[in-house]
Structure formats: C-alpha cells, structure tokens
C-alpha cells in the first residue's frame, strides 16, 4: 500500500497500525502555494491502542537486544536516513515550507542524533556503591513504551530528539506527528523498518492530538510522554500524566531576549539579529523575538538593523538562496498579523505576494514592556525592540516573562557576559552568537518553557529508571 505526495512515494508498509476502511483523512497542504499535496489517515483510539499494545509486546524483546546489537541497529538507521537525506529535505520543503537549506540540515540532524545515541547502549552503565555486608549495584532500566508528540514547526529534528535516546535506552516508541506536517515522520518510521528495527519498536501514528496524544496520557502502558508545543497544552499533558505518575519531558513556549550592550560589535550583532528571529519564519520557540538594546546605541543599532532586515531573502523555500519561507497556515498568518495591525512598525522586509501564507520580516517598536507584541509569543517573523539603561534593567526586562527557553547576549566584556549568563532565567544562552542547540549538549527550558532536558548526555537517563540492588555477602 502506498500514498503519493508531489511525486514522492511513501510506502506505508507496516509503519501504521490498522486498516483503511472508515478511517478519516487529513489533507496535507504546501504552505508556499496553498495547494493540497496529498492526504494521510487520521487514526483514532482503536488504532492508537493497537499501536501501544504492539509496542508493549515488542518492549520485552527490544530491551533484551544486546547493547552492541542495539547500537548497530541505530547506526544502520542513521545511515539509511543519510541515504535519504535529500528526499526527506524535499518532503519538508513541500509539507512545512522550510527552506531547502534548513531542511537538509534538519534531516542531517536526525542522522547525527541517531549516531550520537547509537554510542549509548554500550555505555549505559550503573554504579557499584560501597556498603557493609555485601555488594550494592545500580542499573538503568528502560521505562517501557514512550509516546512522543511532535510539533509542526520542526517535524524532523524534534522527532529524532525524542525517539533516538528512547530507543537507545531500550524503550519502544509510538510517535504522533503534527496534523499539519506528518510526511517526514511517516517516512522516518518506514526507514527505521528498512534499517532493520523490529516491527512495533518504532511506530508512527498520524492523527489528532486530542485523540492520539490524549491516549498517550491515559493509556497505562505508556510510561513517558514527550511533548513539544504550546505551554497551555503542555500543562494539560503534565496534569493528565500526574494521575498515573507518568514521566514527562516538555519543551514549550518561548519569548527569548536578544540583549545588545553598547560595547558589543554592533555591526555583527545587527547582521546576526534577523537570523536569530526570522529563521523558519519565526516559528521557533527559541526565536530571539525581544530585542533589548542599550539606550546609548539604540538609534545607531536600528540604523544598522534596517538594511539587514530588508535584505533577508523571503523566497520560494525550494530555492538554495532562500533564507525564509512562508508561515505554516492561513489561520496562523492571521494570528501573526494581529500583532502588527495596531503596533508601531519601525521597518519591514519584503515577502512574495499571491498564493501561499507569506509574511514579511517585521520590526516593531515597543512602547513599554506591557505591549502585547512584547509579552506574548507571536511565533512569526516579528521582533519587538526596547531600549534599556544598564545591566540591572536588562536583567529585569529579560526575566519579566513566564518563559525561559533561550536568548543571546552581545558584549565584549567577559565579566559582563558571565554575570548576565548567570542572571538571565533561561535554559540556553549564547554569547555573541545565536547558536544554542547542538545535539551533544543539553537543551530545555526554565519556568513555563518546559521540564526536563533533551539532547546531550542528560537526555538518555530521563528514559530510564534507576534500580538499586543489594547482594548480601555475609551468610
């Protein structure tokens, strides 16, 4: 059985559980054109239960696979992903509107994350703890079935950030892609089978979050839920999981600050600012959407920023020259536009007209920290600018939010950089750059931006329980 999307064949094989009779379907739309490129099933509770139960049955055998063999399977999965990197990237361009450059990086990131965690099974070591009268050892036991709920803004990387460490630790995975962007997750599920992962170890199940995601929360066989998305939905998942004392990892909203001090390299900071907020059309929880500029260089910085914003290339995402594509949907474009309709626009870039959900990069001047566009997560190519006087005010403004996911600090003063980095309440910070996500370093938020850490060495153990065993040696 197969479905076809824009000339790309998706062989569903045994990735999806359940038959097709009576199953609803969701149209898949290209956000750059508004055209329908295909349709995928929207599975219900019965199919979700079947997928979870299949994963539960597969868990006992998967956890028993030797560390070296499990590592080899994950390395093979990474190699197969690499072989299909261009195919996956093209799918993401047509489904999510990502630029081809970004999409190639994202497919490569899945490969890299798999390779990184392929080194984990052989290194998932416990400890021997000195005790009187015997031997005390610890084991890292896998949890069981892990349910992963993936957002539409980064469908490939965030899927990999969840399933790679979960599988490496010996868990089985049922993954629900976002309704708007299911294609690459479906293909990754099939590539896992092609790589040799046993059936039901990694299952991809498209459908509604209110159905499949909610069943992850309520089904007793699912022992952990990984969710990336809005803070309100994350809170409801956390509350639901509490009923079964179920583990959660949450990566939620953000309203990150980009703080520019007068002693910074202003040219470099201004040139980098558009990419820090407009990448992926601003549909990024890490977007530096609050720009704080020290008052003594405020006007000069805006003068440097304007040509950088206007030069930011918003184009057909399939072009190698594109720096930004469209927004994900018509309704989302309306939401983003609502933040600019009554705000003071300093300047804006340009975007294509006609078909598709395009929006220009836009710079707004905040009258106060109470402005709606300053406080709320716009999730679009919109940045709000506000001056500050000194370090104390910069810290106060940066921390005056319920969020704490990412941010940047621009200064030549090393002492100031370290003071600010310790004082700003956020999980990931960059100094004199906007780079904060690497697969070998931890990623996650503070406050209402999330719970737990993904990536790096920290993520793996969150998919295990520590078991302590005492063996008496005195008879």
Protein backbone atom coordinates (compact mmCIF):
# COMPACT_ATOMS: atom_id res chain seq x y z
CA UNK A 1 0.00 0.00 0.00
CA UNK A 2 1.26 3.48 -0.75
CA UNK A 3 0.34 7.14 -0.86
CA UNK A 4 1.90 9.69 -3.19
CA UNK A 5 2.85 13.25 -2.35
CA UNK A 6 4.04 15.53 -5.14
CA UNK A 7 5.70 12.65 -6.96
CA UNK A 8 7.34 11.23 -3.83
CA UNK A 9 6.16 7.75 -2.93
CA UNK A 10 5.52 6.97 0.72
CA UNK A 11 5.37 3.21 1.22
CA UNK A 12 3.47 2.84 4.45
CA UNK A 13 4.34 -0.82 4.87
CA UNK A 14 3.76 -1.81 8.50
CA UNK A 15 4.59 1.59 9.97
CA UNK A 16 0.95 2.39 10.62
CA UNK A 17 -1.28 0.06 12.61
CA UNK A 18 -4.81 -0.66 11.42
CA UNK A 19 -6.83 -0.91 8.23
CA UNK A 20 -8.05 1.86 5.99
CA UNK A 21 -11.79 1.21 5.94
CA UNK A 22 -13.68 4.03 7.62
CA UNK A 23 -10.53 5.92 8.61
CA UNK A 24 -10.71 9.70 8.34
CA UNK A 25 -8.04 11.52 6.36
CA UNK A 26 -6.25 14.82 6.80
CA UNK A 27 -5.17 16.86 3.80
CA UNK A 28 -1.52 17.82 3.61
CA UNK A 29 -1.01 21.35 2.27
CA UNK A 30 2.04 23.10 0.84
CA UNK A 31 2.21 26.41 2.76
CA UNK A 32 4.17 28.10 -0.04
CA UNK A 33 1.36 27.56 -2.54
CA UNK A 34 -1.74 26.69 -0.54
CA UNK A 35 -2.13 23.61 -2.72
CA UNK A 36 -3.03 20.17 -1.43
CA UNK A 37 -0.18 17.69 -1.94
CA UNK A 38 -1.85 14.61 -0.52
CA UNK A 39 -3.77 13.14 2.38
CA UNK A 40 -2.89 10.91 5.29
CA UNK A 41 -5.06 8.83 7.63
CA UNK A 42 -6.18 10.38 10.89
CA UNK A 43 -6.26 7.40 13.22
CA UNK A 44 -8.48 7.03 16.24
CA UNK A 45 -8.45 5.47 19.70
CA UNK A 46 -8.69 1.87 18.49
CA UNK A 47 -5.64 2.21 16.22
CA UNK A 48 -3.77 4.06 18.96
CA UNK A 49 -4.47 1.29 21.46
CA UNK A 50 -3.33 -1.30 18.92
CA UNK A 51 -0.09 0.63 18.31
CA UNK A 52 0.59 0.99 22.04
CA UNK A 53 -0.15 -2.67 22.69
CA UNK A 54 2.13 -3.69 19.82
CA UNK A 55 4.88 -1.50 21.28
CA UNK A 56 4.31 -3.03 24.70
CA UNK A 57 4.70 -6.54 23.29
CA UNK A 58 7.85 -5.54 21.43
CA UNK A 59 9.37 -3.93 24.52
CA UNK A 60 10.43 -7.16 26.24
CA UNK A 61 12.38 -8.37 23.22
CA UNK A 62 13.83 -4.93 22.37
CA UNK A 63 15.13 -4.33 25.88
CA UNK A 64 16.79 -7.73 25.68
CA UNK A 65 18.73 -6.91 22.50
CA UNK A 66 22.41 -6.81 23.39
CA UNK A 67 23.92 -3.33 23.72
CA UNK A 68 26.25 -3.84 20.77
CA UNK A 69 23.45 -5.13 18.55
CA UNK A 70 21.11 -2.29 19.52
CA UNK A 71 23.90 0.18 18.79
CA UNK A 72 24.48 -1.36 15.37
CA UNK A 73 20.79 -1.10 14.50
CA UNK A 74 20.74 2.57 15.46
CA UNK A 75 23.87 3.23 13.40
CA UNK A 76 22.23 1.47 10.48
CA UNK A 77 19.12 3.62 10.97
CA UNK A 78 21.34 6.72 10.88
CA UNK A 79 23.00 5.50 7.67
CA UNK A 80 19.64 4.88 5.98
CA UNK A 81 18.45 8.35 6.98
CA UNK A 82 21.63 9.78 5.48
CA UNK A 83 20.99 7.89 2.23
CA UNK A 84 17.54 9.51 2.04
CA UNK A 85 18.55 12.96 3.30
CA UNK A 86 17.63 14.82 0.10
CA UNK A 87 14.29 13.02 -0.15
CA UNK A 88 13.45 13.92 3.44
CA UNK A 89 14.51 17.52 2.89
CA UNK A 90 12.31 17.87 -0.21
CA UNK A 91 9.36 16.43 1.70
CA UNK A 92 9.85 19.03 4.42
CA UNK A 93 10.03 21.86 1.89
CA UNK A 94 6.67 20.87 0.38
CA UNK A 95 4.98 19.99 3.67
CA UNK A 96 6.32 22.54 6.17
CA UNK A 97 7.60 25.34 3.92
CA UNK A 98 11.11 25.10 5.33
CA UNK A 99 13.90 26.42 3.17
CA UNK A 100 15.81 23.66 1.43
CA UNK A 101 18.99 24.64 3.27
CA UNK A 102 17.28 24.30 6.64
CA UNK A 103 15.55 21.08 5.64
CA UNK A 104 18.82 19.45 4.60
CA UNK A 105 20.31 20.42 7.97
CA UNK A 106 17.25 19.02 9.76
CA UNK A 107 17.46 15.64 8.01
CA UNK A 108 21.18 15.59 8.78
CA UNK A 109 20.39 16.36 12.41
CA UNK A 110 18.22 13.24 12.65
CA UNK A 111 21.15 11.24 11.32
CA UNK A 112 23.57 12.87 13.76
CA UNK A 113 21.31 12.40 16.78
CA UNK A 114 20.88 8.72 15.91
CA UNK A 115 24.64 8.35 15.54
CA UNK A 116 25.22 10.11 18.86
CA UNK A 117 22.81 7.91 20.81
CA UNK A 118 24.00 4.79 18.99
CA UNK A 119 27.00 5.12 21.29
CA UNK A 120 24.77 4.97 24.36
CA UNK A 121 23.66 1.31 24.77
CA UNK A 122 27.20 0.10 25.44
CA UNK A 123 27.82 2.97 27.87
CA UNK A 124 24.59 2.90 29.87
CA UNK A 125 26.45 1.81 32.97
CA UNK A 126 25.28 1.75 36.56
CA UNK A 127 27.45 2.10 39.66
CA UNK A 128 28.89 -0.07 42.38
CA UNK A 129 28.40 1.72 45.71
CA UNK A 130 30.44 0.66 48.79
CA UNK A 131 28.23 -0.79 51.54
CA UNK A 132 28.91 -3.05 54.55
CA UNK A 133 27.95 -6.71 54.36
CA UNK A 134 27.50 -7.04 50.65
CA UNK A 135 27.60 -5.58 47.15
CA UNK A 136 25.39 -2.68 46.06
CA UNK A 137 24.92 -2.01 42.34
CA UNK A 138 22.60 0.15 40.26
CA UNK A 139 21.02 -0.50 36.87
CA UNK A 140 19.40 1.89 34.39
CA UNK A 141 16.20 0.12 33.39
CA UNK A 142 14.17 1.27 30.36
CA UNK A 143 10.72 2.64 31.14
CA UNK A 144 8.66 0.76 28.55
CA UNK A 145 6.51 2.43 25.88
CA UNK A 146 7.27 6.11 25.22
CA UNK A 147 4.71 8.34 23.49
CA UNK A 148 6.21 11.25 21.55
CA UNK A 149 4.11 14.20 20.34
CA UNK A 150 5.89 16.24 17.68
CA UNK A 151 5.07 19.86 16.70
CA UNK A 152 4.67 21.24 13.18
CA UNK A 153 7.49 23.78 13.32
CA UNK A 154 10.44 21.33 13.37
CA UNK A 155 8.95 17.94 12.47
CA UNK A 156 12.19 16.04 11.82
CA UNK A 157 14.68 17.20 14.45
CA UNK A 158 12.28 17.18 17.38
CA UNK A 159 11.10 13.69 16.45
CA UNK A 160 14.70 12.49 16.49
CA UNK A 161 15.45 14.24 19.78
CA UNK A 162 12.77 12.03 21.33
CA UNK A 163 12.96 8.67 19.61
CA UNK A 164 16.75 8.31 19.36
CA UNK A 165 17.57 8.37 23.10
CA UNK A 166 14.37 6.50 23.94
CA UNK A 167 15.28 3.63 21.60
CA UNK A 168 18.91 3.67 22.69
CA UNK A 169 17.86 3.21 26.32
CA UNK A 170 15.79 0.14 25.39
CA UNK A 171 12.30 1.64 25.19
CA UNK A 172 9.81 1.25 22.36
CA UNK A 173 8.24 4.35 20.80
CA UNK A 174 4.89 5.41 19.38
CA UNK A 175 5.22 8.80 17.71
CA UNK A 176 2.42 11.16 16.74
CA UNK A 177 3.43 13.77 14.15
CA UNK A 178 1.65 17.12 13.94
CA UNK A 179 -1.52 17.06 11.85
CA UNK A 180 -0.15 19.77 9.55
CA UNK A 181 3.26 18.18 8.93
CA UNK A 182 3.16 14.37 9.07
CA UNK A 183 5.14 13.39 5.98
CA UNK A 184 8.72 13.25 7.19
CA UNK A 185 7.82 11.40 10.41
CA UNK A 186 5.94 8.80 8.38
CA UNK A 187 8.95 8.36 6.14
CA UNK A 188 11.31 8.10 9.12
CA UNK A 189 9.12 5.36 10.53
CA UNK A 190 9.44 3.42 7.33
CA UNK A 191 13.19 3.99 7.10
CA UNK A 192 13.51 2.51 10.59
CA UNK A 193 11.98 -0.71 9.29
CA UNK A 194 14.25 -0.65 6.25
CA UNK A 195 17.21 -0.29 8.59
CA UNK A 196 16.19 -3.45 10.42
CA UNK A 197 14.47 -2.22 13.56
CA UNK A 198 11.97 -4.89 14.64
CA UNK A 199 8.29 -4.32 13.99
CA UNK A 200 6.46 -2.25 16.63
CA UNK A 201 9.69 -0.93 18.17
CA UNK A 202 9.15 2.42 16.44
CA UNK A 203 5.63 3.19 15.23
CA UNK A 204 4.43 6.42 13.59
CA UNK A 205 0.73 7.14 14.00
CA UNK A 206 -0.78 10.27 12.36
CA UNK A 207 -3.93 11.79 13.73
CA UNK A 208 -5.32 14.40 16.10
CA UNK A 209 -3.55 15.37 19.27
CA UNK A 210 -6.85 15.38 21.11
CA UNK A 211 -7.21 11.70 20.23
CA UNK A 212 -3.77 10.08 19.94
CA UNK A 213 -1.88 12.43 22.22
CA UNK A 214 -4.59 12.23 24.84
CA UNK A 215 -4.47 8.44 24.67
CA UNK A 216 -0.74 8.56 25.35
CA UNK A 217 -1.61 10.40 28.54
CA UNK A 218 -4.34 7.97 29.68
CA UNK A 219 -3.05 4.58 28.49
CA UNK A 220 -1.33 2.81 31.40
CA UNK A 221 1.23 1.08 29.15
CA UNK A 222 2.71 4.43 28.08
CA UNK A 223 5.25 5.22 30.77
CA UNK A 224 6.54 8.51 29.45
CA UNK A 225 5.21 11.29 27.23
CA UNK A 226 7.50 13.69 25.37
CA UNK A 227 5.69 16.79 24.16
CA UNK A 228 6.85 19.84 22.27
CA UNK A 229 4.28 22.57 21.69
CA UNK A 230 2.33 25.29 23.43
CA UNK A 231 2.55 25.92 27.15
CA UNK A 232 -1.22 25.53 27.78
CA UNK A 233 -1.30 22.10 26.10
CA UNK A 234 1.89 21.10 27.91
CA UNK A 235 0.29 21.96 31.23
CA UNK A 236 -2.73 19.81 30.44
CA UNK A 237 -0.50 16.87 29.48
CA UNK A 238 1.51 17.26 32.68
CA UNK A 239 -1.68 17.32 34.75
CA UNK A 240 -3.05 14.26 32.97
CA UNK A 241 0.17 12.29 33.41
CA UNK A 242 0.14 13.02 37.14
CA UNK A 243 -2.80 10.64 37.56
CA UNK A 244 -0.54 7.68 36.72
CA UNK A 245 2.70 9.29 37.97
CA UNK A 246 3.83 9.17 34.36
CA UNK A 247 7.12 10.72 33.28
CA UNK A 248 7.05 13.79 31.05
CA UNK A 249 9.52 15.84 29.09
CA UNK A 250 8.06 19.16 27.98
CA UNK A 251 9.54 21.73 25.59
CA UNK A 252 7.07 24.58 25.49
CA UNK A 253 6.81 28.24 24.52
CA UNK A 254 9.43 30.94 24.48
CA UNK A 255 9.85 34.70 24.33
CA UNK A 256 13.61 34.91 24.26
CA UNK A 257 15.65 38.06 24.70
CA UNK A 258 18.45 39.24 22.42
CA UNK A 259 20.43 41.69 24.61
CA UNK A 260 22.83 44.10 22.90
CA UNK A 261 25.17 46.20 25.04
CA UNK A 262 26.84 49.39 23.85
CA UNK A 263 30.30 47.79 23.92
CA UNK A 264 29.26 44.97 21.57
CA UNK A 265 30.32 44.62 17.96
CA UNK A 266 27.18 46.37 16.77
CA UNK A 267 27.68 45.55 13.11
CA UNK A 268 27.98 41.86 13.89
CA UNK A 269 25.02 41.91 16.30
CA UNK A 270 22.80 43.72 13.78
CA UNK A 271 23.79 41.40 10.94
CA UNK A 272 23.01 38.33 13.08
CA UNK A 273 19.73 39.57 14.58
CA UNK A 274 17.47 38.73 11.59
CA UNK A 275 18.58 35.11 11.54
CA UNK A 276 18.06 34.88 15.29
CA UNK A 277 14.36 35.67 14.99
CA UNK A 278 13.28 35.19 11.36
CA UNK A 279 14.75 31.74 10.78
CA UNK A 280 11.92 29.29 9.99
CA UNK A 281 9.72 32.38 9.60
CA UNK A 282 9.97 32.99 13.34
CA UNK A 283 8.14 29.72 14.02
CA UNK A 284 10.69 28.72 16.62
CA UNK A 285 10.36 28.61 20.40
CA UNK A 286 13.99 29.80 20.57
CA UNK A 287 13.38 32.86 18.38
CA UNK A 288 15.02 35.94 19.88
CA UNK A 289 11.81 37.93 19.48
CA UNK A 290 12.54 40.53 22.19
CA UNK A 291 15.44 42.77 21.18
CA UNK A 292 16.91 44.78 24.07
CA UNK A 293 19.38 47.47 23.00
CA UNK A 294 21.33 49.71 25.38
CA UNK A 295 19.92 53.22 25.10
CA UNK A 296 23.21 54.94 24.20
CA UNK A 297 23.45 52.95 20.93
CA UNK A 298 19.73 52.37 20.32
CA UNK A 299 19.34 54.64 17.28
CA UNK A 300 22.61 53.53 15.74
CA UNK A 301 21.71 49.88 16.15
CA UNK A 302 18.31 50.35 14.48
CA UNK A 303 20.07 52.06 11.56
CA UNK A 304 22.33 49.02 11.21
CA UNK A 305 19.45 46.58 11.63
CA UNK A 306 17.19 48.03 8.93
CA UNK A 307 19.27 47.07 5.87
CA UNK A 308 19.89 43.60 7.35
CA UNK A 309 16.15 43.03 7.74
CA UNK A 310 15.31 44.35 4.29
CA UNK A 311 17.99 42.14 2.73
CA UNK A 312 16.66 38.98 4.40
CA UNK A 313 15.58 36.79 1.49
CA UNK A 314 11.97 35.55 1.73
CA UNK A 315 11.62 33.27 -1.28
CA UNK A 316 10.30 30.01 -2.65
CA UNK A 317 11.68 27.64 0.01
CA UNK A 318 12.90 25.26 -2.66
CA UNK A 319 15.50 27.79 -3.80
CA UNK A 320 19.01 27.44 -2.41
CA UNK A 321 19.10 31.21 -1.90
CA UNK A 322 16.01 31.32 0.35
CA UNK A 323 16.58 32.40 3.96
CA UNK A 324 12.92 32.30 4.97
CA UNK A 325 9.80 30.59 3.68
CA UNK A 326 6.08 31.00 4.40
CA UNK A 327 4.11 30.62 7.59
CA UNK A 328 2.53 27.23 8.15
CA UNK A 329 -1.15 28.08 7.51
CA UNK A 330 -3.63 30.79 6.66
CA UNK A 331 -5.00 30.87 10.20
CA UNK A 332 -1.52 31.22 11.64
CA UNK A 333 -0.78 34.10 9.29
CA UNK A 334 -3.89 35.87 10.57
CA UNK A 335 -2.72 35.36 14.15
CA UNK A 336 0.74 36.79 13.39
CA UNK A 337 -0.76 39.76 11.54
CA UNK A 338 -2.94 40.59 14.54
CA UNK A 339 0.19 41.56 16.49
CA UNK A 340 1.29 44.12 13.91
CA UNK A 341 -2.01 45.74 12.96
CA UNK A 342 -2.04 48.30 15.80
CA UNK A 343 1.68 48.37 16.65
CA UNK A 344 4.38 50.86 15.70
CA UNK A 345 6.26 49.32 12.79
CA UNK A 346 9.84 50.57 12.55
CA UNK A 347 10.51 48.85 9.21
CA UNK A 348 9.88 45.58 7.44
CA UNK A 349 11.33 43.38 4.77
CA UNK A 350 9.54 42.05 1.72
CA UNK A 351 7.72 38.80 1.05
CA UNK A 352 6.18 37.23 -2.08
CA UNK A 353 2.58 38.06 -2.90
CA UNK A 354 -0.07 35.72 -4.19
CA UNK A 355 -0.53 32.08 -3.28
CA UNK A 356 0.86 30.77 -0.02
CA UNK A 357 0.98 32.13 3.50
CA UNK A 358 3.74 34.68 3.30
CA UNK A 359 4.57 37.36 5.82
CA UNK A 360 7.40 39.91 5.72
CA UNK A 361 10.09 40.14 8.41
CA UNK A 362 8.84 42.93 10.65
CA UNK A 363 10.44 45.08 13.36
CA UNK A 364 8.13 46.67 15.94
CA UNK A 365 8.99 49.38 18.47
CA UNK A 366 7.72 48.54 21.95
CA UNK A 367 6.33 51.49 23.87
CA UNK A 368 6.62 49.59 27.15
CA UNK A 369 7.13 46.07 28.48
CA UNK A 370 3.35 45.82 28.66
CA UNK A 371 2.85 45.83 24.90
CA UNK A 372 1.13 42.69 23.66
CA UNK A 373 3.72 42.02 20.97
CA UNK A 374 6.47 42.32 23.59
CA UNK A 375 4.88 39.92 26.09
CA UNK A 376 3.19 37.22 24.02
CA UNK A 377 4.75 34.57 21.83
CA UNK A 378 3.95 35.72 18.29
CA UNK A 379 5.54 32.66 16.65
CA UNK A 380 6.14 34.52 13.44
CA UNK A 381 8.74 36.79 11.80
CA UNK A 382 8.16 39.68 14.19
CA UNK A 383 10.67 41.20 16.61
CA UNK A 384 9.95 43.82 19.26
CA UNK A 385 12.64 46.35 20.21
CA UNK A 386 13.03 48.15 23.55
CA UNK A 387 15.93 50.19 24.96
CA UNK A 388 17.48 49.60 28.40
CA UNK A 389 19.84 51.64 30.60
CA UNK A 390 22.18 49.20 32.36
CA UNK A 391 22.78 45.59 33.33
CA UNK A 392 20.21 45.67 36.12
CA UNK A 393 17.44 46.88 33.83
CA UNK A 394 18.45 44.43 31.08
CA UNK A 395 18.18 41.54 33.55
CA UNK A 396 14.84 42.77 34.86
CA UNK A 397 13.39 43.12 31.35
CA UNK A 398 14.77 39.79 30.16
CA UNK A 399 13.35 37.93 33.16
CA UNK A 400 9.97 39.70 33.09
CA UNK A 401 8.25 36.81 31.31
CA UNK A 402 6.73 33.44 32.13
CA UNK A 403 9.10 31.88 29.60
CA UNK A 404 12.76 30.92 29.83
CA UNK A 405 13.95 28.89 26.86
CA UNK A 406 16.75 30.66 25.04
CA UNK A 407 18.48 34.00 24.47
CA UNK A 408 21.60 35.86 23.41
CA UNK A 409 23.97 38.39 24.99
CA UNK A 410 26.19 40.70 22.93
CA UNK A 411 29.14 42.31 24.71
CA UNK A 412 32.93 42.40 24.54
CA UNK A 413 33.16 42.37 28.36
CA UNK A 414 33.74 38.78 29.51
CA UNK A 415 32.80 39.56 33.10
CA UNK A 416 29.53 41.13 31.99
CA UNK A 417 28.81 38.16 29.72
CA UNK A 418 29.21 35.74 32.61
CA UNK A 419 27.20 37.90 35.04
CA UNK A 420 24.36 38.17 32.53
CA UNK A 421 24.50 34.47 31.65
CA UNK A 422 24.05 33.54 35.31
CA UNK A 423 21.35 36.13 35.93
CA UNK A 424 19.07 35.60 32.90
CA UNK A 425 16.50 32.93 33.73
CA UNK A 426 16.63 30.77 30.65
CA UNK A 427 17.80 27.27 29.80
CA UNK A 428 20.00 28.04 26.80
CA UNK A 429 22.11 31.12 26.19
CA UNK A 430 24.57 32.24 23.54
CA UNK A 431 27.18 34.98 23.91
CA UNK A 432 27.96 36.95 20.74
CA UNK A 433 26.01 34.45 18.65
CA UNK A 434 22.57 32.89 18.27
CA UNK A 435 23.71 29.28 18.33
CA UNK A 436 22.32 27.34 21.27
CA UNK A 437 21.18 23.90 20.06
CA UNK A 438 23.77 21.19 19.47
CA UNK A 439 22.89 17.52 19.61
CA UNK A 440 25.72 16.73 22.06
CA UNK A 441 24.76 19.45 24.59
CA UNK A 442 21.59 19.63 26.73
CA UNK A 443 18.59 21.64 25.58
CA UNK A 444 15.49 22.67 27.52
CA UNK A 445 13.67 25.47 29.27
CA UNK A 446 13.16 27.07 32.65
CA UNK A 447 9.94 28.38 34.17
CA UNK A 448 6.97 27.75 31.85
CA UNK A 449 9.17 26.95 28.86
CA UNK A 450 9.47 23.34 29.84
CA UNK A 451 10.51 20.49 32.05
CA UNK A 452 13.47 18.18 31.55
CA UNK A 453 16.31 18.25 29.05
CA UNK A 454 16.67 16.89 25.54
CA UNK A 455 19.88 16.08 23.67
CA UNK A 456 23.37 15.65 25.04
CA UNK A 457 24.25 13.21 27.81
CA UNK A 458 21.36 14.38 30.02
CA UNK A 459 18.52 13.12 27.83
CA UNK A 460 19.36 9.43 27.86
CA UNK A 461 18.90 8.84 31.59
CA UNK A 462 15.48 10.51 31.52
CA UNK A 463 14.28 7.45 29.58
CA UNK A 464 15.35 5.09 32.36
CA UNK A 465 14.59 4.25 35.98
CA UNK A 466 17.47 3.70 38.39
CA UNK A 467 17.19 0.33 40.13
CA UNK A 468 19.29 -0.30 43.24
CA UNK A 469 20.23 -3.91 44.10
CA UNK A 470 21.93 -5.07 47.33
CA UNK A 471 23.51 -8.54 47.37
CA UNK A 472 24.38 -9.83 50.83
CA UNK A 473 27.78 -11.47 51.06
CA UNK A 474 27.73 -12.24 54.79
CA UNK A 475 25.96 -15.51 55.46
